[in-house]
Protein backbone atom coordinates (compact mmCIF):
# COMPACT_ATOMS: atom_id res chain seq x y z
CA GLN A 1 -5.73 -18.97 -1.45
CA MET A 2 -6.15 -16.30 -4.17
CA THR A 3 -6.93 -19.05 -6.73
CA SER A 4 -9.64 -20.77 -4.85
CA ALA A 5 -13.21 -20.66 -6.39
CA HIS A 6 -14.45 -18.68 -3.31
CA ALA A 7 -11.62 -16.09 -3.61
CA ILE A 8 -12.30 -15.56 -7.22
CA ASP A 9 -16.01 -15.17 -6.64
CA LEU A 10 -15.28 -12.61 -3.89
CA ILE A 11 -12.86 -10.66 -6.14
CA GLU A 12 -15.28 -10.76 -8.99
CA GLU A 13 -18.20 -9.40 -6.87
CA GLY A 14 -15.96 -6.70 -5.48
CA GLY A 15 -14.96 -5.74 -9.07
CA PHE A 16 -18.47 -5.49 -10.30
CA GLN A 17 -19.45 -3.18 -7.34
CA ALA A 18 -16.28 -1.08 -7.58
CA ALA A 19 -17.03 -0.54 -11.41
CA ARG A 20 -20.47 0.88 -10.42
CA ALA A 21 -19.18 2.86 -7.44
CA LEU A 22 -19.46 6.64 -7.69
CA THR A 23 -16.80 7.70 -5.24
CA SER A 24 -13.40 6.69 -4.18
CA ASP A 25 -14.60 6.26 -0.57
CA ARG A 26 -17.14 3.72 -1.78
CA ILE A 27 -14.48 1.89 -3.64
CA GLY A 28 -12.40 1.86 -0.39
CA LYS A 29 -15.28 0.20 1.55
CA ILE A 30 -15.55 -2.39 -1.10
CA VAL A 31 -11.83 -3.07 -1.11
CA GLU A 32 -12.05 -3.41 2.74
CA VAL A 33 -14.64 -6.20 2.50
CA VAL A 34 -12.75 -8.02 -0.28
CA MET A 35 -9.45 -7.95 1.53
CA HIS A 36 -10.99 -8.85 4.89
CA GLY A 37 -12.54 -11.96 3.26
CA LEU A 38 -9.33 -12.95 1.24
CA VAL A 39 -7.10 -13.32 4.39
CA LYS A 40 -9.35 -15.89 6.07
CA SER A 41 -10.99 -19.28 5.38
CA ASP A 42 -13.30 -20.20 2.49
CA GLN A 43 -16.20 -19.70 4.92
CA ASP A 44 -15.08 -16.17 5.50
CA LYS A 45 -14.86 -15.56 1.70
CA ILE A 46 -18.42 -16.64 1.53
CA HIS A 47 -19.39 -14.34 4.34
CA GLY A 48 -17.44 -11.55 2.66
CA LYS A 49 -19.42 -12.06 -0.56
CA ARG A 50 -22.73 -11.84 1.47
CA LEU A 51 -21.53 -8.63 3.08
CA LEU A 52 -20.60 -7.14 -0.30
CA ARG A 53 -24.08 -7.90 -1.64
CA ILE A 54 -25.63 -6.18 1.31
CA LEU A 55 -23.23 -3.30 0.89
CA GLY A 56 -24.32 -3.14 -2.71
CA GLU A 57 -27.84 -2.57 -1.65
CA LEU A 58 -26.96 0.41 0.60
CA ASP A 59 -26.32 4.00 -0.41
CA ASP A 60 -23.89 6.34 1.30
CA ASP A 61 -26.77 7.90 3.47
CA GLN A 62 -27.70 4.49 4.81
CA ILE A 63 -24.06 3.81 5.74
CA ILE A 64 -24.03 7.01 7.76
CA ILE A 65 -27.38 6.19 9.37
CA LEU A 66 -26.08 2.70 10.27
CA SER A 67 -22.97 4.13 11.79
CA SER A 68 -24.93 6.53 13.75
CA TYR A 69 -25.96 3.69 16.07
CA LEU A 70 -22.32 3.07 17.16
CA ARG A 71 -21.65 4.41 20.58
CA LYS A 72 -18.69 6.31 19.37
CA ASN A 73 -20.87 8.27 17.08
CA ILE A 74 -23.88 8.56 19.40
CA GLU A 75 -21.44 10.59 21.74
CA ASN A 76 -19.64 12.46 18.91
CA GLU A 77 -20.95 15.95 18.51
CA ASP A 78 -19.07 16.56 15.30
CA PHE A 79 -20.56 13.44 13.78
CA LEU A 80 -24.13 14.41 14.90
CA THR A 81 -23.70 18.08 13.72
CA THR A 82 -22.34 17.07 10.33
CA HIS A 83 -25.20 14.56 9.68
CA ARG A 84 -27.94 16.43 11.52
CA ASN A 85 -30.24 16.80 8.49
CA LEU A 86 -30.02 13.07 7.68
CA LEU A 87 -30.27 11.64 11.26
CA LYS A 88 -33.03 13.98 12.60
CA SER A 89 -36.49 12.54 12.90
CA ARG A 90 -39.19 15.04 12.23
CA ASN A 91 -42.90 14.76 11.80
CA VAL A 92 -43.86 16.46 8.60
CA SER A 93 -47.31 17.68 7.88
CA THR A 94 -48.91 17.91 4.43
CA ALA A 95 -48.84 21.70 4.78
CA GLU A 96 -44.98 21.62 4.43
CA PRO A 97 -43.30 22.36 1.05
CA LYS A 98 -43.09 19.45 -1.39
CA GLU A 99 -39.29 19.34 -0.96
CA VAL A 100 -39.57 18.82 2.77
CA ILE A 101 -42.14 16.11 2.39
CA ASP A 102 -40.11 14.33 -0.21
CA ASP A 103 -36.85 14.52 1.92
CA ALA A 104 -38.71 13.07 4.85
CA THR A 105 -40.14 10.34 2.70
CA MET A 106 -36.75 9.36 1.43
CA ARG A 107 -35.34 9.43 4.94
CA VAL A 108 -38.07 7.02 6.01
CA VAL A 109 -37.28 4.64 3.07
CA ALA A 110 -33.51 4.76 4.06
CA PHE A 111 -34.24 3.65 7.65
CA ALA A 112 -36.75 1.02 6.50
CA GLY A 113 -34.17 -0.40 4.07
CA LEU A 114 -31.70 -0.91 6.95
CA GLU A 115 -34.38 -2.81 8.93
CA ARG A 116 -35.34 -4.91 5.83
CA LEU A 117 -31.78 -6.08 5.42
CA GLY A 118 -31.54 -6.99 9.02
CA LEU A 119 -28.92 -4.30 9.83
CA THR A 120 -31.11 -2.68 12.37
CA HIS A 121 -34.07 -3.95 14.43
CA GLN A 122 -36.68 -2.68 16.73
CA VAL A 123 -36.40 -3.15 20.48
CA PHE A 124 -39.60 -2.98 22.47
CA TYR A 125 -39.88 -2.26 26.22
CA ASN A 126 -41.59 -4.85 28.50
CA ARG A 127 -45.19 -3.87 28.97
CA LYS A 128 -47.28 -4.71 31.94
CA ARG A 129 -49.69 -7.63 31.47
CA ASP A 130 -52.84 -5.56 31.24
CA ASP A 131 -51.14 -2.80 29.20
CA PRO A 132 -52.39 -3.12 25.63
CA ALA A 133 -49.83 -2.88 22.84
CA LYS A 134 -49.96 0.39 20.86
CA ILE A 135 -50.18 0.00 17.05
CA ASP A 136 -49.40 2.72 14.66
CA MET A 137 -51.44 3.45 11.46
CA HIS A 138 -49.27 1.07 9.47
CA GLY A 139 -49.96 -1.91 11.92
CA ARG A 140 -46.59 -1.74 13.56
CA LEU A 141 -45.95 -1.86 17.30
CA GLN A 142 -45.09 1.39 18.94
CA GLY A 143 -43.13 2.17 22.07
CA GLY A 144 -39.71 0.74 21.10
CA HIS A 145 -36.60 2.24 19.34
CA ALA A 146 -34.32 1.07 16.55
CA THR A 147 -30.89 -0.27 17.30
CA ILE A 148 -28.00 -1.80 15.17
CA SER A 149 -28.13 -5.64 14.86
CA ARG A 150 -24.99 -7.90 15.00
CA LEU A 151 -25.08 -8.01 11.24
CA GLY A 152 -25.03 -4.20 11.03
CA VAL A 153 -22.02 -4.11 13.27
CA LYS A 154 -20.32 -6.88 11.19
CA LEU A 155 -20.82 -4.97 7.98
CA LEU A 156 -19.46 -1.71 9.51
CA GLN A 157 -16.44 -3.74 10.78
CA ALA A 158 -15.95 -5.27 7.34
CA ILE A 159 -15.86 -1.81 5.61
CA GLY A 160 -13.56 -0.27 8.20
CA VAL A 161 -16.02 2.07 9.91
CA ALA A 162 -16.19 0.07 13.16
CA ALA A 163 -13.32 -1.64 15.08
CA GLU A 164 -13.57 -5.31 15.94
CA ASN A 165 -14.15 -4.39 19.59
CA GLU A 166 -16.55 -1.51 18.85
CA HIS A 167 -19.30 -0.89 21.35
CA TYR A 168 -22.66 -0.44 20.03
């Protein structure tokens, strides 16, 4: 199986990403995805390459944010304390120092990137028929919350952050 076109393609993609990785932890995640794809069918190799490409678009903060949606981390005080600054949501006013505003802006970009890739999605509560939808200043529905998608769980499983039977 290691000589099939799909296997070579998956290994190549992993090699390119590993060459650009900045940490050994990131290389380990890339290796997990490649190894996971190699032991299965050609279809799994294709899926592995897709997951690698998605992983290539994420930074380490986004992986932490994504893993924060797992039940084991929602209930883990050590995890929440360690990543408090990254995970906290905070309204920032224009009176705040520039560094605080910039940090909040980049945090919003990180969360939006997860949704753009389909790793998270918004869940909205059922409204009463005569209850008008609330729209924010960007034209998005309000009143819901973000949650991890099936693709997000699959990616975390592929990189070894979530177990196959992980609750989310």
